[in-house]
């Protein structure tokens, strides 16, 4: 892929372990690497520029499979999510299968409660974040100020209009 095409927001594909994935260039890191967003999975990853290729037209038209999500009924204590809150959230997620309980779908964002049911007692994320002093339970769904930064699918994935 030519260097002139490697810029933020460019939809392309990347090969990783002989598999091809749709990606959107999120930011250029340096001469060799870019951070990409996987619109079908919702994650960010740093990859080599040399792995990028233009995407065939037929794959450009496919809707993204990742859905912008936000935890229901919580907001950060200080207005923005602290590093401690982010680390706690990542620790809670781990590599576990979680149960998501949908509260509502508004403006293209799915607001849900997350629950770890792998232990004898169910663990609700909003309660753990509240009890850890990282979040206030507010009873309404208001995405945080840095929602788009922490959830890049909100930047690139448009709601289908079927709500």
C-alpha atoms as a PDB file:
ATOM      1  CA  UNK A   1       0.000   0.000   0.000  1.00  0.00           C
ATOM      2  CA  UNK A   2       1.546   3.360  -0.935  1.00  0.00           C
ATOM      3  CA  UNK A   3       2.679   5.596   1.922  1.00  0.00           C
ATOM      4  CA  UNK A   4       0.366   8.394   0.714  1.00  0.00           C
ATOM      5  CA  UNK A   5      -2.668   6.165   1.409  1.00  0.00           C
ATOM      6  CA  UNK A   6      -1.596   5.292   4.932  1.00  0.00           C
ATOM      7  CA  UNK A   7      -3.554   7.849   6.920  1.00  0.00           C
ATOM      8  CA  UNK A   8      -6.082   7.990   9.748  1.00  0.00           C
ATOM      9  CA  UNK A   9      -9.517   6.714   8.751  1.00  0.00           C
ATOM     10  CA  UNK A  10      -8.342   4.696   5.720  1.00  0.00           C
ATOM     11  CA  UNK A  11     -10.268   1.421   5.416  1.00  0.00           C
ATOM     12  CA  UNK A  12      -8.000  -1.385   4.244  1.00  0.00           C
ATOM     13  CA  UNK A  13      -7.032  -4.912   5.226  1.00  0.00           C
ATOM     14  CA  UNK A  14      -4.149  -6.514   7.057  1.00  0.00           C
ATOM     15  CA  UNK A  15      -2.768 -10.016   6.985  1.00  0.00           C
ATOM     16  CA  UNK A  16      -2.028 -11.640  10.325  1.00  0.00           C
ATOM     17  CA  UNK A  17      -0.933 -15.285  10.465  1.00  0.00           C
ATOM     18  CA  UNK A  18      -2.139 -15.913   6.898  1.00  0.00           C
ATOM     19  CA  UNK A  19      -5.646 -14.534   7.634  1.00  0.00           C
ATOM     20  CA  UNK A  20      -7.002 -11.264   6.228  1.00  0.00           C
ATOM     21  CA  UNK A  21      -8.929  -8.790   8.378  1.00  0.00           C
ATOM     22  CA  UNK A  22     -10.664  -5.514   7.621  1.00  0.00           C
ATOM     23  CA  UNK A  23      -9.068  -2.628   9.485  1.00  0.00           C
ATOM     24  CA  UNK A  24      -9.284   1.134   9.730  1.00  0.00           C
ATOM     25  CA  UNK A  25      -6.074   3.044  10.314  1.00  0.00           C
ATOM     26  CA  UNK A  26      -6.554   4.691  13.703  1.00  0.00           C
ATOM     27  CA  UNK A  27      -3.179   6.456  13.915  1.00  0.00           C
ATOM     28  CA  UNK A  28       0.284   6.350  12.425  1.00  0.00           C
ATOM     29  CA  UNK A  29       2.817   5.341  15.080  1.00  0.00           C
ATOM     30  CA  UNK A  30       6.099   5.741  13.170  1.00  0.00           C
ATOM     31  CA  UNK A  31       7.720   4.952   9.803  1.00  0.00           C
ATOM     32  CA  UNK A  32       7.108   1.232  10.249  1.00  0.00           C
ATOM     33  CA  UNK A  33       3.907   0.865  12.295  1.00  0.00           C
ATOM     34  CA  UNK A  34       0.298   1.984  12.520  1.00  0.00           C
ATOM     35  CA  UNK A  35      -2.418   1.405  15.061  1.00  0.00           C
ATOM     36  CA  UNK A  36      -5.473  -0.119  13.408  1.00  0.00           C
ATOM     37  CA  UNK A  37      -9.057  -0.655  14.500  1.00  0.00           C
ATOM     38  CA  UNK A  38     -10.768  -3.933  13.578  1.00  0.00           C
ATOM     39  CA  UNK A  39     -14.377  -2.918  12.738  1.00  0.00           C
ATOM     40  CA  UNK A  40     -15.569  -6.515  12.868  1.00  0.00           C
ATOM     41  CA  UNK A  41     -14.063  -7.240  16.289  1.00  0.00           C
ATOM     42  CA  UNK A  42     -13.838  -3.852  18.011  1.00  0.00           C
ATOM     43  CA  UNK A  43     -10.201  -3.976  19.102  1.00  0.00           C
ATOM     44  CA  UNK A  44      -7.109  -1.894  18.420  1.00  0.00           C
ATOM     45  CA  UNK A  45      -3.725  -3.335  17.502  1.00  0.00           C
ATOM     46  CA  UNK A  46      -0.366  -2.076  16.292  1.00  0.00           C
ATOM     47  CA  UNK A  47       0.696  -3.647  12.985  1.00  0.00           C
ATOM     48  CA  UNK A  48       3.461  -3.142  10.453  1.00  0.00           C
ATOM     49  CA  UNK A  49       2.660  -0.836   7.541  1.00  0.00           C
ATOM     50  CA  UNK A  50       3.996  -3.496   5.182  1.00  0.00           C
ATOM     51  CA  UNK A  51       1.116  -5.790   6.200  1.00  0.00           C
ATOM     52  CA  UNK A  52      -1.542  -3.342   4.936  1.00  0.00           C
ATOM     53  CA  UNK A  53      -3.316  -3.795   1.601  1.00  0.00           C
ATOM     54  CA  UNK A  54      -6.167  -2.067  -0.194  1.00  0.00           C
ATOM     55  CA  UNK A  55      -9.511  -3.712   0.408  1.00  0.00           C
ATOM     56  CA  UNK A  56     -11.574  -5.095  -2.473  1.00  0.00           C
ATOM     57  CA  UNK A  57     -14.645  -2.988  -3.245  1.00  0.00           C
ATOM     58  CA  UNK A  58     -17.095  -5.765  -2.324  1.00  0.00           C
ATOM     59  CA  UNK A  59     -15.728  -5.815   1.242  1.00  0.00           C
ATOM     60  CA  UNK A  60     -15.953  -2.045   1.639  1.00  0.00           C
ATOM     61  CA  UNK A  61     -19.745  -2.216   1.531  1.00  0.00           C
ATOM     62  CA  UNK A  62     -20.127  -4.767   4.335  1.00  0.00           C
ATOM     63  CA  UNK A  63     -21.375  -3.288   7.611  1.00  0.00           C
ATOM     64  CA  UNK A  64     -19.070  -3.482  10.608  1.00  0.00           C
ATOM     65  CA  UNK A  65     -19.771  -6.364  12.942  1.00  0.00           C
ATOM     66  CA  UNK A  66     -18.548  -4.630  16.115  1.00  0.00           C
ATOM     67  CA  UNK A  67     -21.147  -2.622  18.019  1.00  0.00           C
ATOM     68  CA  UNK A  68     -20.264   0.481  20.080  1.00  0.00           C
ATOM     69  CA  UNK A  69     -21.082  -0.368  23.706  1.00  0.00           C
ATOM     70  CA  UNK A  70     -21.016   1.369  27.051  1.00  0.00           C
ATOM     71  CA  UNK A  71     -21.594   0.122  30.574  1.00  0.00           C
ATOM     72  CA  UNK A  72     -25.094   0.998  31.700  1.00  0.00           C
ATOM     73  CA  UNK A  73     -25.798   3.331  34.603  1.00  0.00           C
ATOM     74  CA  UNK A  74     -22.207   4.249  35.474  1.00  0.00           C
ATOM     75  CA  UNK A  75     -20.081   7.328  35.117  1.00  0.00           C
ATOM     76  CA  UNK A  76     -16.511   8.003  36.213  1.00  0.00           C
ATOM     77  CA  UNK A  77     -16.098   9.521  39.658  1.00  0.00           C
ATOM     78  CA  UNK A  78     -13.873  12.350  38.412  1.00  0.00           C
ATOM     79  CA  UNK A  79     -15.488  13.026  35.023  1.00  0.00           C
ATOM     80  CA  UNK A  80     -13.008  10.883  33.083  1.00  0.00           C
ATOM     81  CA  UNK A  81     -12.092   7.245  33.612  1.00  0.00           C
ATOM     82  CA  UNK A  82      -8.961   6.857  35.709  1.00  0.00           C
ATOM     83  CA  UNK A  83      -6.161   4.435  34.890  1.00  0.00           C
ATOM     84  CA  UNK A  84      -7.233   2.432  37.948  1.00  0.00           C
ATOM     85  CA  UNK A  85     -10.789   2.143  36.594  1.00  0.00           C
ATOM     86  CA  UNK A  86      -9.562   1.075  33.163  1.00  0.00           C
ATOM     87  CA  UNK A  87      -7.225  -1.531  34.652  1.00  0.00           C
ATOM     88  CA  UNK A  88      -9.976  -2.847  36.922  1.00  0.00           C
ATOM     89  CA  UNK A  89     -12.339  -3.139  33.960  1.00  0.00           C
ATOM     90  CA  UNK A  90      -9.726  -5.015  31.911  1.00  0.00           C
ATOM     91  CA  UNK A  91      -9.046  -7.314  34.864  1.00  0.00           C
ATOM     92  CA  UNK A  92     -12.759  -8.047  35.221  1.00  0.00           C
ATOM     93  CA  UNK A  93     -13.024  -8.892  31.528  1.00  0.00           C
ATOM     94  CA  UNK A  94      -9.952 -11.125  31.416  1.00  0.00           C
ATOM     95  CA  UNK A  95     -10.505 -13.966  28.981  1.00  0.00           C
ATOM     96  CA  UNK A  96     -13.850 -14.944  30.444  1.00  0.00           C
ATOM     97  CA  UNK A  97     -17.206 -15.461  28.863  1.00  0.00           C
ATOM     98  CA  UNK A  98     -19.452 -12.736  30.220  1.00  0.00           C
ATOM     99  CA  UNK A  99     -23.179 -12.186  30.283  1.00  0.00           C
ATOM    100  CA  UNK A 100     -24.388  -8.910  28.825  1.00  0.00           C
ATOM    101  CA  UNK A 101     -27.788  -7.605  29.848  1.00  0.00           C
ATOM    102  CA  UNK A 102     -29.026  -4.929  27.468  1.00  0.00           C
ATOM    103  CA  UNK A 103     -30.472  -1.840  29.104  1.00  0.00           C
ATOM    104  CA  UNK A 104     -31.075   0.214  25.954  1.00  0.00           C
ATOM    105  CA  UNK A 105     -29.800   1.050  22.472  1.00  0.00           C
ATOM    106  CA  UNK A 106     -29.625   4.812  21.929  1.00  0.00           C
ATOM    107  CA  UNK A 107     -27.903   6.856  19.218  1.00  0.00           C
ATOM    108  CA  UNK A 108     -26.017   3.827  17.935  1.00  0.00           C
ATOM    109  CA  UNK A 109     -24.640   2.858  21.359  1.00  0.00           C
ATOM    110  CA  UNK A 110     -25.627  -0.343  23.129  1.00  0.00           C
ATOM    111  CA  UNK A 111     -25.793   0.288  26.887  1.00  0.00           C
ATOM    112  CA  UNK A 112     -25.474  -2.910  28.858  1.00  0.00           C
ATOM    113  CA  UNK A 113     -24.720  -4.376  32.233  1.00  0.00           C
ATOM    114  CA  UNK A 114     -21.855  -6.877  32.267  1.00  0.00           C
ATOM    115  CA  UNK A 115     -21.879  -9.824  34.614  1.00  0.00           C
ATOM    116  CA  UNK A 116     -19.343 -12.557  35.331  1.00  0.00           C
ATOM    117  CA  UNK A 117     -21.318 -15.699  36.135  1.00  0.00           C
ATOM    118  CA  UNK A 118     -18.298 -18.017  36.377  1.00  0.00           C
ATOM    119  CA  UNK A 119     -18.216 -17.919  40.181  1.00  0.00           C
ATOM    120  CA  UNK A 120     -20.754 -19.004  42.772  1.00  0.00           C
ATOM    121  CA  UNK A 121     -21.940 -15.406  43.172  1.00  0.00           C
ATOM    122  CA  UNK A 122     -22.593 -13.289  40.057  1.00  0.00           C
ATOM    123  CA  UNK A 123     -20.240 -10.307  39.720  1.00  0.00           C
ATOM    124  CA  UNK A 124     -21.771  -7.181  38.173  1.00  0.00           C
ATOM    125  CA  UNK A 125     -19.153  -4.824  36.751  1.00  0.00           C
ATOM    126  CA  UNK A 126     -20.946  -1.606  37.684  1.00  0.00           C
ATOM    127  CA  UNK A 127     -21.055  -2.723  41.328  1.00  0.00           C
ATOM    128  CA  UNK A 128     -17.358  -3.652  41.400  1.00  0.00           C
ATOM    129  CA  UNK A 129     -16.403  -0.319  39.808  1.00  0.00           C
ATOM    130  CA  UNK A 130     -18.604   1.526  42.327  1.00  0.00           C
ATOM    131  CA  UNK A 131     -17.303  -0.442  45.309  1.00  0.00           C
ATOM    132  CA  UNK A 132     -13.726   0.164  44.118  1.00  0.00           C
ATOM    133  CA  UNK A 133     -14.304   3.921  44.119  1.00  0.00           C
ATOM    134  CA  UNK A 134     -13.886   4.125  40.337  1.00  0.00           C
ATOM    135  CA  UNK A 135     -17.477   4.848  39.302  1.00  0.00           C
ATOM    136  CA  UNK A 136     -20.736   6.344  40.453  1.00  0.00           C
ATOM    137  CA  UNK A 137     -23.938   4.477  39.707  1.00  0.00           C
ATOM    138  CA  UNK A 138     -26.143   7.153  38.190  1.00  0.00           C
ATOM    139  CA  UNK A 139     -29.240   5.311  36.931  1.00  0.00           C
ATOM    140  CA  UNK A 140     -28.932   6.741  33.414  1.00  0.00           C
ATOM    141  CA  UNK A 141     -26.786   6.127  30.357  1.00  0.00           C
ATOM    142  CA  UNK A 142     -24.426   8.958  29.535  1.00  0.00           C
ATOM    143  CA  UNK A 143     -21.277   7.992  27.591  1.00  0.00           C
ATOM    144  CA  UNK A 144     -18.181   9.466  29.221  1.00  0.00           C
ATOM    145  CA  UNK A 145     -16.192  12.322  27.686  1.00  0.00           C
ATOM    146  CA  UNK A 146     -13.523   9.982  26.378  1.00  0.00           C
ATOM    147  CA  UNK A 147     -15.979   7.373  25.061  1.00  0.00           C
ATOM    148  CA  UNK A 148     -14.723   7.721  21.479  1.00  0.00           C
ATOM    149  CA  UNK A 149     -11.096   7.462  22.577  1.00  0.00           C
ATOM    150  CA  UNK A 150     -11.635   4.293  24.607  1.00  0.00           C
ATOM    151  CA  UNK A 151     -14.232   2.868  22.217  1.00  0.00           C
ATOM    152  CA  UNK A 152     -13.026   3.630  18.676  1.00  0.00           C
ATOM    153  CA  UNK A 153     -15.940   1.768  17.134  1.00  0.00           C
ATOM    154  CA  UNK A 154     -17.944   4.913  17.934  1.00  0.00           C
ATOM    155  CA  UNK A 155     -15.656   6.813  15.545  1.00  0.00           C
ATOM    156  CA  UNK A 156     -15.929   4.412  12.642  1.00  0.00           C
ATOM    157  CA  UNK A 157     -19.100   2.343  12.987  1.00  0.00           C
ATOM    158  CA  UNK A 158     -22.338   3.982  11.957  1.00  0.00           C
ATOM    159  CA  UNK A 159     -25.647   2.694  13.353  1.00  0.00           C
ATOM    160  CA  UNK A 160     -27.733   0.819  10.820  1.00  0.00           C
ATOM    161  CA  UNK A 161     -30.817   2.932  11.493  1.00  0.00           C
ATOM    162  CA  UNK A 162     -32.749  -0.171  12.528  1.00  0.00           C
ATOM    163  CA  UNK A 163     -33.336   0.522  16.206  1.00  0.00           C
END
